[in-house]
Structures are given as structure tokens and as C-alpha cells.
Amino acid sequence: MVDLVRSRSLAPNAALLLISFACLAPVQLAAQTPAKAPASKQATYKPARLADGKPDFSGFWSYNTATPFVRPDRFQGREFLRPDEVQAVETGRHRVDEDRVKGAPCVVFITNSNCAASVGGPRGGPGGVGDYNAVFLEMDKSKVVATMRTSILVDPKDGKMPPMKPEATASAAAARAYRLEHPFDGPENLTTFDRCMTGGGAPYGAGPYNNTLHVVQSPTHVAITQEMMHDVRVIPLDGRPHGEVRQWQGDSVGHYEGDTLVVETTNFNGKRGRADQRTKVTERFTRTAADILLYQFTVDAPDLYTAPYSGELPMTLSKDPVYEYACHEGNYSMPLILSGARADERAAAAKSGTK
């Protein structure tokens, strides 16, 4: 959901770009009363089994949600929403999406970011040139998940990201400044989203559209296809160690702990800004109801953040399949962006009388 259509990652070693709805309009809250976690079916649910006896996670799973990634300040100190607050949070999310459709000049979705930091300025941000309309957005499906949490982040306990390390902050700021000064010098200056190379991977987080996974299992592997950017992770379950090749989405290996699939991902290539080369992501998939796949994750990025952080998000069984995401095949944006930049440069040179 970052720059929503095209995730504007800032630099190879920039911080993990996170979804944040802190910009939602304030809502009037009822008198503060303690909120409790909703009752869980996890303790009693028995998942369906595959032929080898392992729990069946296969199918299409949606992780679209109105639950913010980080806890908004208005819910400070509160882990859960009250029932009367759920609609206000969902309405706030829908309002943000509606503003995009109406062509609002810029809406902030990224933690510690602002409209001016978007490559190309507000014109290229949400609601601007190149943005998508309501046909592509999932406004009516953005609900607060059954946990009624005030944030997807569960650790740190305040629902906020741990501080970035000073050197990581400085690196991100320098890369951001460079990109603002040289946004369209060449394809390398544009994001992997713009270039239709890769855009997903662990940990999963909701965007404005294409928030669906397709899980396929065998006795030796699990394959997870992400609708966004048609990224596929093939995860071996045979006890092999991590490979030595660093990859865009890292190298994943998995195993079962009871009815939970545990996946550990390391060896990121550090070229995306989502994770540096020492980042480790641990994911846990547990089917807690016939239509719920509980997704939990912990990210340990020791070169970026002062502490690990964890979150959880129930994914819901979807009747909709994963459709083709033919981004690269139809990516006319790249030649148009670069040719437009060259045309601007020629016009500026002609105006100044230089060659």
C-alpha cells in the first residue's frame, strides 16, 4: 500500500516500508471502557488433514484488512477495540480509499513518510497521475479482523515500530534525498514495483488490492502464490538448510510444529528496502477455524531496528481465485516514464539555451 500502486521503497538498506493508517480522520470515541480479546476457537478447532496427516492450508486466503499496522495514537495503551469502535475504524479506511478515487492530491500511508517524499511529488502519489480507480480497490472488503486488535503489531506492546538505528536512518535519508534529486535517471532509480520485478514476500501486509494468497501443499513442499506481482515462494519441508544464494524475497525453509506451519526466511539480497542482508523473518500459519488461517510473524532486522517486532493477522478463506497479474507483460510505464523525463530534460535545455 506504499505509494499504493507502486511501493516507493527508498533504498537497498532503507527501513521496512510499513502500512499505517495514522492519517485517518479522528473519530469521536465512546467513554473509555476496558476492551477484551474476543473468544478464540483455536483451542477447540480441529483442522482438516491431508493424506500425510498434516493440516490442510490449501486454498485462497485474503489478508485484506482495515486494521492498521501500527497502533494509532488515539488507541494508545489499548490492545483491543470495543465493538462500538469497529465501524468507525472501517469507515476511516474506506474514506481514505474514496479520497484516492476522487483524485486527492496525496495521502500518507507510510510510517515516517510524507507526500513530499514520494518520487515525483504529490502528482505521482495516491489519487494522482498513474493511480488506480475504484475498480481495482477493495474498499468494501476492508474490515477489522475478528481479533479486534488496535494494530497488527503485537510486539512491541505499544503497537509501534521499534526505533531505527541511527546509521539506518541516515542511510534511508540519504537515499531518499538522492531519489528526489534524480528520480528518473534510469530504470535502476525506480522501485521493483515500477519495474514489475517483485513486490511481495514475507511478511505479508495488506495493500489497496490483490490481497490474496494461493496456498498449495505437498508432503515435501508448500507453495504460496501472492496475487500482487505474481510472486511465488516454494518452501521445502524436508529439513534442508538455507541455501547460500541471496534472493529478492530471501530463502525460505519450513517445518511443522503440531498443527502450525513454521517458515523461516533469511538470505535477502538487501536490494529492496524491505529487508537487509541479515534480516530473518519467522512466520507461523495456523488454521484456527474452517475459514480462518492465523498468520503470525516476527521480523529480526538487526542492522535496521533496535529490536525485533512481531504481528498477527487472521486471513480469511476466499471464494475468489488469484487472477493473473500481467505487470511485466503490460508494463508500458517504464518507457513512458523514462521517455517523458528525457523530453522534460530537452525542453529545459532548450529553454536555458544549453545542449
Protein backbone atom coordinates (compact mmCIF):
# COMPACT_ATOMS: atom_id res chain seq x y z
CA MET A 1 0.00 0.00 0.00
CA VAL A 2 3.04 2.16 -0.21
CA ASP A 3 2.56 4.90 -2.77
CA LEU A 4 -0.09 2.46 -3.08
CA VAL A 5 0.10 1.35 -6.64
CA ARG A 6 3.87 1.35 -6.77
CA SER A 7 5.65 0.76 -3.49
CA ARG A 8 8.22 3.54 -3.30
CA SER A 9 10.95 1.71 -1.44
CA LEU A 10 13.66 4.20 -0.67
CA ALA A 11 16.95 2.37 -0.88
CA PRO A 12 18.62 -1.03 -0.68
CA ASN A 13 19.17 -0.59 3.06
CA ALA A 14 16.17 1.60 3.79
CA ALA A 15 13.73 0.71 6.52
CA LEU A 16 10.91 -1.73 6.02
CA LEU A 17 8.07 0.23 4.49
CA LEU A 18 5.01 -0.28 6.60
CA ILE A 19 1.32 0.27 6.14
CA SER A 20 -0.04 2.85 8.54
CA PHE A 21 -3.44 4.42 8.80
CA ALA A 22 -2.42 7.01 11.34
CA CYS A 23 -3.59 9.59 8.81
CA LEU A 24 -7.22 8.57 9.17
CA ALA A 25 -9.53 11.33 10.27
CA PRO A 26 -10.05 11.38 14.06
CA VAL A 27 -13.24 9.77 15.26
CA GLN A 28 -15.29 10.50 18.34
CA LEU A 29 -14.89 7.58 20.71
CA ALA A 30 -17.32 6.48 23.37
CA ALA A 31 -16.41 6.67 27.02
CA GLN A 32 -13.34 4.55 27.60
CA THR A 33 -14.16 1.14 28.97
CA PRO A 34 -11.81 -1.83 29.03
CA ALA A 35 -11.81 -3.87 25.84
CA LYS A 36 -11.15 -7.59 25.95
CA ALA A 37 -9.92 -10.02 23.36
CA PRO A 38 -12.77 -11.86 21.59
CA ALA A 39 -13.18 -15.52 22.38
CA SER A 40 -10.91 -17.76 20.29
CA LYS A 41 -11.90 -21.02 18.64
CA GLN A 42 -8.27 -22.02 18.25
CA ALA A 43 -8.23 -24.33 21.26
CA THR A 44 -11.13 -26.46 20.03
CA TYR A 45 -10.86 -26.37 16.22
CA LYS A 46 -9.51 -29.48 14.52
CA PRO A 47 -8.24 -28.69 11.01
CA ALA A 48 -8.85 -30.90 8.01
CA ARG A 49 -5.95 -33.20 7.17
CA LEU A 50 -4.02 -34.05 4.04
CA ALA A 51 -3.29 -37.65 3.11
CA ASP A 52 0.00 -37.46 5.05
CA GLY A 53 -1.79 -36.28 8.19
CA LYS A 54 -0.57 -32.68 8.05
CA PRO A 55 -3.09 -29.84 8.48
CA ASP A 56 -4.68 -28.65 5.24
CA PHE A 57 -3.89 -25.00 4.48
CA SER A 58 -4.62 -25.24 0.77
CA GLY A 59 -6.90 -22.71 -0.88
CA PHE A 60 -7.23 -18.98 -1.42
CA TRP A 61 -6.72 -16.73 1.59
CA SER A 62 -7.43 -12.99 1.82
CA TYR A 63 -5.42 -10.77 4.14
CA ASN A 64 -7.25 -7.56 3.27
CA THR A 65 -7.99 -5.62 6.45
CA ALA A 66 -8.83 -2.21 7.87
CA THR A 67 -6.78 -2.96 10.99
CA PRO A 68 -3.81 -0.56 10.99
CA PHE A 69 -0.30 -1.98 11.03
CA VAL A 70 0.85 0.32 13.83
CA ARG A 71 -1.44 1.43 16.65
CA PRO A 72 -2.97 4.90 16.14
CA ASP A 73 -2.24 7.36 18.92
CA ARG A 74 -5.92 7.58 19.81
CA PHE A 75 -5.79 3.92 20.94
CA GLN A 76 -2.63 4.35 22.98
CA GLY A 77 -2.35 1.75 25.72
CA ARG A 78 -5.19 -0.37 24.32
CA GLU A 79 -4.66 -3.70 22.62
CA PHE A 80 -8.25 -4.23 21.51
CA LEU A 81 -11.13 -2.21 20.08
CA ARG A 82 -14.56 -2.11 21.60
CA PRO A 83 -17.42 -3.29 19.34
CA ASP A 84 -18.72 0.27 19.01
CA GLU A 85 -15.37 1.43 17.59
CA VAL A 86 -15.02 -1.13 14.81
CA GLN A 87 -17.30 0.63 12.34
CA ALA A 88 -15.52 3.94 12.86
CA VAL A 89 -12.15 2.37 12.04
CA GLU A 90 -13.53 0.61 8.95
CA THR A 91 -15.26 3.80 7.79
CA GLY A 92 -11.99 5.69 8.18
CA ARG A 93 -10.19 3.19 5.95
CA HIS A 94 -12.93 3.41 3.34
CA ARG A 95 -12.73 7.20 3.43
CA VAL A 96 -9.02 7.07 2.60
CA ASP A 97 -9.72 4.82 -0.38
CA GLU A 98 -12.56 7.08 -1.54
CA ASP A 99 -10.22 10.07 -1.43
CA ARG A 100 -7.88 8.19 -3.74
CA VAL A 101 -10.68 7.54 -6.21
CA LYS A 102 -11.73 11.18 -6.16
CA GLY A 103 -8.19 12.26 -7.01
CA ALA A 104 -6.99 13.58 -3.68
CA PRO A 105 -3.53 15.01 -4.34
CA CYS A 106 -1.71 12.89 -1.76
CA VAL A 107 -2.49 10.57 1.14
CA VAL A 108 0.16 9.30 3.54
CA PHE A 109 0.23 5.55 4.11
CA ILE A 110 3.86 5.01 5.03
CA THR A 111 5.22 5.22 8.54
CA ASN A 112 7.57 8.17 8.94
CA SER A 113 6.90 9.42 5.45
CA ASN A 114 5.02 12.26 3.83
CA CYS A 115 3.64 13.26 0.47
CA ALA A 116 6.63 15.37 -0.47
CA ALA A 117 8.90 12.35 -0.11
CA SER A 118 7.09 10.45 -2.84
CA VAL A 119 9.11 10.17 -6.02
CA GLY A 120 7.78 12.76 -8.40
CA GLY A 121 5.98 14.66 -5.64
CA PRO A 122 2.23 14.68 -4.95
CA ARG A 123 1.35 14.36 -8.64
CA GLY A 124 2.66 10.80 -8.66
CA GLY A 125 1.15 9.79 -5.32
CA PRO A 126 -2.20 8.24 -4.47
CA GLY A 127 -5.00 9.89 -6.37
CA GLY A 128 -2.54 11.40 -8.81
CA VAL A 129 -1.28 10.59 -12.27
CA GLY A 130 -0.97 6.84 -12.76
CA ASP A 131 -3.10 5.89 -9.74
CA TYR A 132 -5.90 3.33 -9.97
CA ASN A 133 -9.64 3.86 -9.65
CA ALA A 134 -12.32 2.13 -7.58
CA VAL A 135 -12.48 -0.89 -9.88
CA PHE A 136 -9.08 -2.01 -8.60
CA LEU A 137 -9.52 -1.14 -4.92
CA GLU A 138 -11.07 -3.35 -2.26
CA MET A 139 -12.85 -0.67 -0.27
CA ASP A 140 -15.94 -2.73 0.56
CA LYS A 141 -13.82 -5.65 1.79
CA SER A 142 -11.62 -3.73 4.23
CA LYS A 143 -12.81 -4.98 7.60
CA VAL A 144 -11.34 -5.08 11.06
CA VAL A 145 -10.27 -8.66 11.62
CA ALA A 146 -12.02 -10.87 14.16
CA THR A 147 -9.33 -10.26 16.78
CA MET A 148 -10.50 -6.63 17.03
CA ARG A 149 -6.91 -5.56 17.66
CA THR A 150 -5.98 -1.91 17.50
CA SER A 151 -2.93 -2.83 15.41
CA ILE A 152 -1.45 -5.74 13.54
CA LEU A 153 1.74 -5.22 15.53
CA VAL A 154 1.58 -7.09 18.84
CA ASP A 155 5.19 -6.60 19.91
CA PRO A 156 6.44 -4.08 20.96
CA LYS A 157 3.48 -3.95 23.31
CA ASP A 158 2.73 -0.32 22.47
CA GLY A 159 1.89 -1.33 18.91
CA LYS A 160 4.61 0.93 17.48
CA MET A 161 7.66 0.03 15.46
CA PRO A 162 10.93 -0.17 17.40
CA PRO A 163 13.30 2.75 16.73
CA MET A 164 15.53 2.54 13.71
CA LYS A 165 19.24 2.51 14.28
CA PRO A 166 20.92 5.86 13.60
CA GLU A 167 23.01 4.52 10.73
CA ALA A 168 19.91 3.02 9.07
CA THR A 169 18.04 6.29 9.46
CA ALA A 170 20.92 8.21 7.90
CA SER A 171 21.18 5.75 5.01
CA ALA A 172 17.45 5.97 4.29
CA ALA A 173 17.52 9.78 4.41
CA ALA A 174 20.47 9.95 2.03
CA ALA A 175 18.85 7.54 -0.40
CA ARG A 176 15.57 9.46 -0.24
CA ALA A 177 17.34 12.74 -0.97
CA TYR A 178 19.14 11.20 -3.93
CA ARG A 179 15.95 9.74 -5.38
CA LEU A 180 14.17 13.06 -5.07
CA GLU A 181 17.04 14.74 -6.89
CA HIS A 182 17.40 12.01 -9.55
CA PRO A 183 14.03 10.24 -9.69
CA PHE A 184 14.06 9.22 -13.33
CA ASP A 185 17.70 8.99 -14.39
CA GLY A 186 17.24 5.35 -15.33
CA PRO A 187 15.28 2.22 -14.51
CA GLU A 188 17.59 1.46 -11.57
CA ASN A 189 16.29 4.57 -9.80
CA LEU A 190 12.75 3.22 -9.85
CA THR A 191 11.32 0.64 -7.49
CA THR A 192 10.93 -3.06 -8.05
CA PHE A 193 7.18 -2.39 -8.20
CA ASP A 194 7.63 0.12 -11.02
CA ARG A 195 9.87 -2.34 -12.82
CA CYS A 196 7.41 -5.23 -12.29
CA MET A 197 10.17 -7.36 -10.81
CA THR A 198 8.94 -8.29 -7.35
CA GLY A 199 6.77 -6.71 -4.74
CA GLY A 200 5.70 -9.20 -2.12
CA GLY A 201 7.11 -11.77 0.22
CA ALA A 202 7.39 -12.10 3.95
CA PRO A 203 5.92 -10.66 5.99
CA TYR A 204 2.58 -10.20 4.23
CA GLY A 205 0.74 -6.91 4.68
CA ALA A 206 -2.48 -5.61 3.18
CA GLY A 207 -2.45 -3.20 0.25
CA PRO A 208 -5.28 -1.48 -1.64
CA TYR A 209 -5.95 -4.51 -3.85
CA ASN A 210 -4.74 -8.03 -4.71
CA ASN A 211 -4.61 -9.10 -1.06
CA THR A 212 -4.92 -12.81 -1.75
CA LEU A 213 -2.64 -15.81 -1.36
CA HIS A 214 -2.96 -19.20 -3.02
CA VAL A 215 -1.52 -21.99 -0.89
CA VAL A 216 -0.69 -25.38 -2.43
CA GLN A 217 0.78 -28.23 -0.34
CA SER A 218 2.61 -31.48 -0.94
CA PRO A 219 4.37 -33.79 1.52
CA THR A 220 7.71 -32.11 0.78
CA HIS A 221 6.87 -28.51 -0.16
CA VAL A 222 4.44 -25.66 0.33
CA ALA A 223 3.98 -23.13 -2.49
CA ILE A 224 2.50 -19.72 -1.76
CA THR A 225 1.46 -17.53 -4.68
CA GLN A 226 0.83 -13.89 -3.88
CA GLU A 227 -1.65 -12.16 -6.17
CA MET A 228 0.30 -8.93 -6.01
CA MET A 229 3.11 -9.08 -8.58
CA HIS A 230 2.53 -12.84 -9.04
CA ASP A 231 5.34 -13.65 -6.60
CA VAL A 232 5.66 -17.34 -5.71
CA ARG A 233 7.51 -18.79 -2.75
CA VAL A 234 8.36 -22.51 -2.94
CA ILE A 235 9.15 -23.64 0.61
CA PRO A 236 10.84 -27.00 1.21
CA LEU A 237 9.77 -29.02 4.26
CA ASP A 238 12.43 -31.75 4.12
CA GLY A 239 14.80 -30.34 6.72
CA ARG A 240 17.35 -28.92 4.29
CA PRO A 241 19.42 -25.91 5.42
CA HIS A 242 19.10 -22.47 3.90
CA GLY A 243 20.70 -22.02 0.51
CA GLU A 244 23.63 -19.69 0.05
CA VAL A 245 22.14 -17.61 -2.79
CA ARG A 246 20.67 -14.30 -1.64
CA GLN A 247 17.30 -13.61 -3.25
CA TRP A 248 14.79 -10.78 -3.60
CA GLN A 249 12.36 -12.49 -1.21
CA GLY A 250 15.01 -14.33 0.74
CA ASP A 251 15.42 -18.08 1.10
CA SER A 252 12.61 -19.88 2.95
CA VAL A 253 12.55 -23.27 4.67
CA GLY A 254 9.68 -24.68 6.68
CA HIS A 255 8.61 -27.34 9.15
CA TYR A 256 5.53 -28.27 11.16
CA GLU A 257 5.15 -27.73 14.88
CA GLY A 258 1.99 -29.65 15.65
CA ASP A 259 -0.74 -28.08 13.52
CA THR A 260 1.32 -24.95 12.79
CA LEU A 261 3.46 -24.44 9.71
CA VAL A 262 6.60 -22.52 10.67
CA VAL A 263 8.58 -20.80 7.89
CA GLU A 264 11.96 -19.13 8.40
CA THR A 265 13.30 -16.79 5.73
CA THR A 266 16.86 -15.47 5.57
CA ASN A 267 19.41 -14.53 2.87
CA PHE A 268 17.62 -11.49 1.47
CA ASN A 269 19.67 -9.73 -1.17
CA GLY A 270 19.20 -6.36 0.51
CA LYS A 271 18.16 -4.59 -2.70
CA ARG A 272 14.56 -3.78 -1.86
CA GLY A 273 14.43 -1.79 1.35
CA ARG A 274 12.07 -4.33 2.90
CA ALA A 275 14.94 -6.22 4.48
CA ASP A 276 18.69 -6.04 4.62
CA GLN A 277 21.03 -8.99 4.21
CA ARG A 278 20.94 -10.01 7.89
CA THR A 279 17.15 -9.87 8.27
CA LYS A 280 15.35 -13.01 9.44
CA VAL A 281 11.58 -13.40 9.14
CA THR A 282 9.78 -16.16 11.04
CA GLU A 283 6.18 -16.88 10.04
CA ARG A 284 3.60 -19.16 11.65
CA PHE A 285 0.46 -20.37 9.83
CA THR A 286 -2.26 -21.99 11.98
CA ARG A 287 -5.76 -22.86 10.84
CA THR A 288 -7.96 -21.82 13.77
CA ALA A 289 -11.36 -22.19 12.08
CA ALA A 290 -12.77 -23.53 8.84
CA ASP A 291 -12.46 -20.07 7.28
CA ILE A 292 -9.55 -18.59 9.28
CA LEU A 293 -5.80 -19.02 8.80
CA LEU A 294 -3.99 -17.21 11.59
CA TYR A 295 -0.83 -15.59 10.26
CA GLN A 296 1.85 -14.57 12.77
CA PHE A 297 5.28 -13.16 12.02
CA THR A 298 8.42 -11.88 13.68
CA VAL A 299 11.00 -9.74 11.87
CA ASP A 300 14.52 -9.50 13.24
CA ALA A 301 16.45 -6.88 11.25
CA PRO A 302 19.48 -6.15 13.44
CA ASP A 303 21.06 -3.68 11.01
CA LEU A 304 17.86 -1.64 10.71
CA TYR A 305 16.00 -1.71 14.02
CA THR A 306 16.98 -1.70 17.66
CA ALA A 307 14.75 -4.71 18.41
CA PRO A 308 12.67 -7.34 16.59
CA TYR A 309 8.95 -6.76 16.01
CA SER A 310 6.01 -9.14 15.68
CA GLY A 311 2.46 -9.07 14.37
CA GLU A 312 -0.52 -11.25 13.64
CA LEU A 313 -3.37 -11.17 11.18
CA PRO A 314 -6.14 -13.72 10.61
CA MET A 315 -6.52 -14.45 6.90
CA THR A 316 -9.99 -15.42 5.69
CA LEU A 317 -10.88 -18.16 3.23
CA SER A 318 -11.75 -16.56 -0.10
CA LYS A 319 -14.09 -17.71 -2.83
CA ASP A 320 -12.18 -15.58 -5.32
CA PRO A 321 -9.16 -17.09 -7.08
CA VAL A 322 -5.83 -15.40 -7.70
CA TYR A 323 -6.03 -13.71 -11.07
CA GLU A 324 -3.17 -13.16 -13.47
CA TYR A 325 -1.08 -10.12 -12.62
CA ALA A 326 0.47 -9.36 -16.00
CA CYS A 327 2.53 -6.43 -14.80
CA HIS A 328 5.73 -7.05 -16.69
CA GLU A 329 3.96 -8.06 -19.91
CA GLY A 330 1.98 -4.83 -19.97
CA ASN A 331 4.46 -2.53 -18.27
CA TYR A 332 4.32 0.48 -20.56
CA SER A 333 5.07 2.72 -17.58
CA MET A 334 8.83 2.25 -17.72
CA PRO A 335 9.46 3.51 -21.29
CA LEU A 336 6.85 6.24 -20.84
CA ILE A 337 8.32 7.43 -17.54
CA LEU A 338 11.87 7.50 -18.88
CA SER A 339 11.00 9.00 -22.27
CA GLY A 340 8.92 11.65 -20.50
CA ALA A 341 11.87 12.51 -18.28
CA ARG A 342 14.15 12.83 -21.31
CA ALA A 343 11.58 15.09 -23.01
CA ASP A 344 11.48 17.31 -19.91
CA GLU A 345 15.26 17.50 -19.92
CA ARG A 346 15.37 18.50 -23.60
CA ALA A 347 12.72 21.15 -23.00
CA ALA A 348 14.63 22.54 -20.02
CA ALA A 349 17.86 22.57 -22.03
CA ALA A 350 16.20 24.37 -24.93
CA LYS A 351 14.74 26.96 -22.60
CA SER A 352 18.10 27.62 -20.97
CA GLY A 353 19.94 27.60 -24.27
CA THR A 354 22.19 24.71 -23.33
CA LYS A 355 22.70 21.41 -25.10
